[in-house]
N, C-alpha and C. Protein backbone atom coordinates (compact mmCIF):
# COMPACT_ATOMS: atom_id res chain seq x y z
N MET A 1 -10.81 -37.06 -125.12
CA MET A 1 -11.89 -36.84 -124.19
C MET A 1 -13.11 -37.58 -124.75
N SER A 2 -13.84 -38.30 -123.88
CA SER A 2 -15.01 -39.05 -124.34
C SER A 2 -16.20 -38.12 -124.47
N ASP A 3 -17.25 -38.61 -125.11
CA ASP A 3 -18.47 -37.81 -125.30
C ASP A 3 -19.14 -37.48 -123.97
N SER A 4 -19.15 -38.43 -123.01
CA SER A 4 -19.81 -38.17 -121.72
C SER A 4 -19.06 -37.09 -120.93
N GLU A 5 -17.73 -37.08 -121.02
CA GLU A 5 -16.94 -36.05 -120.35
C GLU A 5 -17.19 -34.68 -120.98
N ALA A 6 -17.34 -34.65 -122.26
CA ALA A 6 -17.60 -33.39 -122.94
C ALA A 6 -18.97 -32.85 -122.57
N LYS A 7 -19.96 -33.74 -122.43
CA LYS A 7 -21.32 -33.30 -122.06
C LYS A 7 -21.34 -32.76 -120.64
N GLU A 8 -20.56 -33.38 -119.72
CA GLU A 8 -20.52 -32.91 -118.33
C GLU A 8 -19.92 -31.51 -118.25
N GLU A 9 -18.93 -31.24 -119.06
CA GLU A 9 -18.30 -29.93 -119.04
C GLU A 9 -19.22 -28.86 -119.63
N GLU A 10 -20.11 -29.24 -120.52
CA GLU A 10 -20.98 -28.29 -121.18
C GLU A 10 -22.17 -27.87 -120.32
N LYS A 11 -22.49 -28.62 -119.26
CA LYS A 11 -23.65 -28.29 -118.43
C LYS A 11 -23.38 -26.98 -117.69
N PRO A 12 -24.29 -26.04 -117.81
CA PRO A 12 -24.09 -24.78 -117.08
C PRO A 12 -24.41 -24.98 -115.60
N VAL A 13 -23.70 -24.26 -114.77
CA VAL A 13 -23.94 -24.31 -113.33
C VAL A 13 -24.99 -23.26 -113.00
N LYS A 14 -26.04 -23.71 -112.31
CA LYS A 14 -27.12 -22.80 -111.94
C LYS A 14 -26.80 -22.20 -110.57
N PRO A 15 -26.67 -20.89 -110.49
CA PRO A 15 -26.37 -20.26 -109.19
C PRO A 15 -27.41 -20.58 -108.12
N GLU A 16 -28.67 -20.72 -108.54
CA GLU A 16 -29.74 -21.02 -107.57
C GLU A 16 -29.49 -22.37 -106.91
N LYS A 17 -29.06 -23.35 -107.69
CA LYS A 17 -28.80 -24.69 -107.16
C LYS A 17 -27.59 -24.67 -106.23
N VAL A 18 -26.57 -23.94 -106.61
CA VAL A 18 -25.38 -23.82 -105.77
C VAL A 18 -25.75 -23.15 -104.45
N ALA A 19 -26.55 -22.09 -104.53
CA ALA A 19 -26.97 -21.38 -103.32
C ALA A 19 -27.82 -22.28 -102.43
N GLU A 20 -28.71 -23.04 -103.04
CA GLU A 20 -29.57 -23.95 -102.27
C GLU A 20 -28.74 -25.02 -101.57
N ASP A 21 -27.82 -25.63 -102.30
CA ASP A 21 -26.96 -26.67 -101.72
C ASP A 21 -26.09 -26.10 -100.60
N THR A 22 -25.54 -24.93 -100.84
CA THR A 22 -24.70 -24.28 -99.83
C THR A 22 -25.53 -23.95 -98.58
N GLY A 23 -26.74 -23.44 -98.80
CA GLY A 23 -27.62 -23.12 -97.68
C GLY A 23 -27.95 -24.34 -96.85
N LYS A 24 -28.18 -25.47 -97.49
CA LYS A 24 -28.47 -26.70 -96.77
C LYS A 24 -27.27 -27.13 -95.93
N LEU A 25 -26.08 -27.05 -96.51
CA LEU A 25 -24.88 -27.44 -95.77
C LEU A 25 -24.63 -26.52 -94.58
N VAL A 26 -24.80 -25.23 -94.80
CA VAL A 26 -24.61 -24.27 -93.71
C VAL A 26 -25.65 -24.51 -92.62
N GLY A 27 -26.89 -24.76 -93.03
CA GLY A 27 -27.95 -25.04 -92.06
C GLY A 27 -27.65 -26.26 -91.22
N LYS A 28 -27.14 -27.32 -91.84
CA LYS A 28 -26.79 -28.53 -91.10
C LYS A 28 -25.66 -28.23 -90.11
N GLY A 29 -24.68 -27.45 -90.55
CA GLY A 29 -23.57 -27.10 -89.66
C GLY A 29 -24.04 -26.27 -88.48
N LEU A 30 -24.93 -25.32 -88.74
CA LEU A 30 -25.47 -24.50 -87.65
C LEU A 30 -26.28 -25.33 -86.68
N GLN A 31 -27.06 -26.29 -87.20
CA GLN A 31 -27.85 -27.16 -86.33
C GLN A 31 -26.94 -27.98 -85.43
N LYS A 32 -25.86 -28.52 -85.99
CA LYS A 32 -24.92 -29.29 -85.18
C LYS A 32 -24.27 -28.42 -84.12
N ALA A 33 -23.88 -27.21 -84.50
CA ALA A 33 -23.26 -26.29 -83.54
C ALA A 33 -24.25 -25.94 -82.43
N TRP A 34 -25.51 -25.74 -82.77
CA TRP A 34 -26.53 -25.41 -81.77
C TRP A 34 -26.72 -26.59 -80.81
N ASN A 35 -26.74 -27.81 -81.34
CA ASN A 35 -26.91 -28.98 -80.48
C ASN A 35 -25.74 -29.13 -79.51
N VAL A 36 -24.53 -28.87 -79.98
CA VAL A 36 -23.36 -28.93 -79.11
C VAL A 36 -23.46 -27.86 -78.03
N THR A 37 -23.88 -26.66 -78.41
CA THR A 37 -24.01 -25.56 -77.45
C THR A 37 -25.05 -25.89 -76.39
N LYS A 38 -26.18 -26.45 -76.81
CA LYS A 38 -27.23 -26.83 -75.85
C LYS A 38 -26.71 -27.89 -74.88
N SER A 39 -25.99 -28.88 -75.40
CA SER A 39 -25.45 -29.94 -74.55
C SER A 39 -24.46 -29.36 -73.54
N PHE A 40 -23.63 -28.46 -74.01
CA PHE A 40 -22.65 -27.82 -73.12
C PHE A 40 -23.38 -27.05 -72.01
N GLY A 41 -24.40 -26.29 -72.39
CA GLY A 41 -25.17 -25.52 -71.41
C GLY A 41 -25.82 -26.42 -70.37
N LYS A 42 -26.39 -27.55 -70.82
CA LYS A 42 -27.01 -28.49 -69.88
C LYS A 42 -25.97 -29.06 -68.93
N GLY A 43 -24.77 -29.34 -69.45
CA GLY A 43 -23.70 -29.85 -68.60
C GLY A 43 -23.28 -28.85 -67.54
N VAL A 44 -23.21 -27.59 -67.93
CA VAL A 44 -22.85 -26.54 -66.97
C VAL A 44 -23.91 -26.43 -65.89
N ILE A 45 -25.17 -26.47 -66.28
CA ILE A 45 -26.26 -26.37 -65.31
C ILE A 45 -26.23 -27.56 -64.36
N ASN A 46 -26.02 -28.76 -64.89
CA ASN A 46 -25.95 -29.94 -64.03
C ASN A 46 -24.80 -29.84 -63.05
N THR A 47 -23.66 -29.33 -63.50
CA THR A 47 -22.51 -29.17 -62.62
C THR A 47 -22.81 -28.18 -61.51
N ILE A 48 -23.44 -27.09 -61.85
CA ILE A 48 -23.79 -26.08 -60.84
C ILE A 48 -24.79 -26.65 -59.85
N ASP A 49 -25.79 -27.38 -60.34
CA ASP A 49 -26.80 -27.96 -59.46
C ASP A 49 -26.20 -28.98 -58.49
N LYS A 50 -25.17 -29.69 -58.92
CA LYS A 50 -24.58 -30.73 -58.09
C LYS A 50 -23.45 -30.21 -57.21
N SER A 51 -23.12 -28.95 -57.32
CA SER A 51 -22.01 -28.42 -56.54
C SER A 51 -22.35 -28.40 -55.05
N GLU A 52 -21.32 -28.32 -54.25
CA GLU A 52 -21.50 -28.30 -52.80
C GLU A 52 -22.26 -27.05 -52.37
N GLU A 53 -22.82 -27.17 -51.19
CA GLU A 53 -23.45 -25.99 -50.59
C GLU A 53 -22.34 -24.96 -50.36
N PRO A 54 -22.68 -23.70 -50.46
CA PRO A 54 -21.66 -22.67 -50.24
C PRO A 54 -21.05 -22.78 -48.83
N LYS A 55 -19.74 -22.65 -48.76
CA LYS A 55 -19.06 -22.68 -47.46
C LYS A 55 -19.35 -21.39 -46.71
N GLU A 56 -19.30 -21.50 -45.40
CA GLU A 56 -19.49 -20.28 -44.61
C GLU A 56 -18.28 -19.38 -44.83
N THR A 57 -18.48 -18.11 -44.81
CA THR A 57 -17.41 -17.16 -45.08
C THR A 57 -17.26 -16.17 -43.94
N THR A 58 -16.09 -15.58 -43.90
CA THR A 58 -15.84 -14.47 -42.99
C THR A 58 -15.34 -13.31 -43.85
N THR A 59 -14.99 -12.24 -43.20
CA THR A 59 -14.55 -11.05 -43.93
C THR A 59 -13.08 -10.77 -43.63
N CYS A 60 -12.33 -10.44 -44.67
CA CYS A 60 -10.93 -10.07 -44.51
C CYS A 60 -10.86 -8.75 -43.73
N PRO A 61 -10.05 -8.70 -42.67
CA PRO A 61 -9.95 -7.46 -41.89
C PRO A 61 -9.23 -6.34 -42.63
N HIS A 62 -8.51 -6.67 -43.70
CA HIS A 62 -7.74 -5.67 -44.42
C HIS A 62 -8.53 -5.01 -45.56
N CYS A 63 -9.30 -5.86 -46.32
CA CYS A 63 -9.99 -5.30 -47.49
C CYS A 63 -11.49 -5.59 -47.52
N SER A 64 -11.98 -6.29 -46.53
CA SER A 64 -13.40 -6.63 -46.38
C SER A 64 -13.93 -7.61 -47.43
N ALA A 65 -13.05 -8.32 -48.11
CA ALA A 65 -13.48 -9.34 -49.07
C ALA A 65 -13.93 -10.59 -48.32
N SER A 66 -14.79 -11.37 -48.93
CA SER A 66 -15.24 -12.63 -48.33
C SER A 66 -14.13 -13.67 -48.45
N VAL A 67 -13.86 -14.35 -47.33
CA VAL A 67 -12.86 -15.42 -47.30
C VAL A 67 -13.43 -16.60 -46.51
N THR A 68 -12.97 -17.80 -46.84
CA THR A 68 -13.42 -18.97 -46.08
C THR A 68 -12.65 -19.03 -44.77
N PRO A 69 -13.26 -19.59 -43.73
CA PRO A 69 -12.60 -19.61 -42.42
C PRO A 69 -11.28 -20.38 -42.40
N ASP A 70 -11.09 -21.34 -43.32
CA ASP A 70 -9.85 -22.11 -43.33
C ASP A 70 -8.74 -21.46 -44.16
N SER A 71 -8.99 -20.26 -44.70
CA SER A 71 -7.98 -19.57 -45.51
C SER A 71 -6.90 -18.96 -44.63
N ASN A 72 -5.67 -19.04 -45.11
CA ASN A 72 -4.55 -18.41 -44.41
C ASN A 72 -4.26 -17.02 -44.96
N PHE A 73 -4.61 -16.81 -46.24
CA PHE A 73 -4.37 -15.53 -46.89
C PHE A 73 -5.65 -15.11 -47.61
N CYS A 74 -5.83 -13.83 -47.79
CA CYS A 74 -6.98 -13.30 -48.52
C CYS A 74 -6.74 -13.46 -50.02
N ALA A 75 -7.72 -14.01 -50.71
CA ALA A 75 -7.59 -14.19 -52.16
C ALA A 75 -7.68 -12.86 -52.89
N SER A 76 -8.21 -11.84 -52.25
CA SER A 76 -8.36 -10.54 -52.90
C SER A 76 -7.12 -9.65 -52.73
N CYS A 77 -6.72 -9.46 -51.48
CA CYS A 77 -5.58 -8.55 -51.25
C CYS A 77 -4.28 -9.29 -50.99
N GLY A 78 -4.34 -10.58 -50.67
CA GLY A 78 -3.14 -11.38 -50.46
C GLY A 78 -2.51 -11.27 -49.08
N LYS A 79 -3.11 -10.51 -48.21
CA LYS A 79 -2.53 -10.35 -46.87
C LYS A 79 -2.87 -11.55 -46.00
N LYS A 80 -1.98 -11.81 -45.02
CA LYS A 80 -2.15 -12.93 -44.10
C LYS A 80 -3.34 -12.66 -43.19
N LEU A 81 -4.14 -13.71 -43.04
CA LEU A 81 -5.31 -13.60 -42.15
C LEU A 81 -4.93 -14.07 -40.76
N VAL A 82 -5.40 -13.35 -39.77
CA VAL A 82 -5.11 -13.68 -38.39
C VAL A 82 -6.14 -14.69 -37.91
N LYS A 83 -5.66 -15.84 -37.40
CA LYS A 83 -6.56 -16.86 -36.88
C LYS A 83 -6.97 -16.50 -35.46
N LYS A 84 -8.23 -16.70 -35.16
CA LYS A 84 -8.72 -16.38 -33.81
C LYS A 84 -8.79 -17.61 -32.96
């Protein structure tokens, strides 16, 4: 073993330095996660804003759930809708 390797092994590890370095790494990871979350949220909002206007709805005669006029079956109860 060389003298420089022996000196490196003899250096004591300071818990404060380890904690500081770990805290910095965790902080960077949290910041990246927060940025991804914000971007995702903005994407969801943009998608909602660009969505179509709500379709007109009618009511299922069997369960009173809202259904679109072009539906053949109720999405809630599954019964066949009678076309008028």
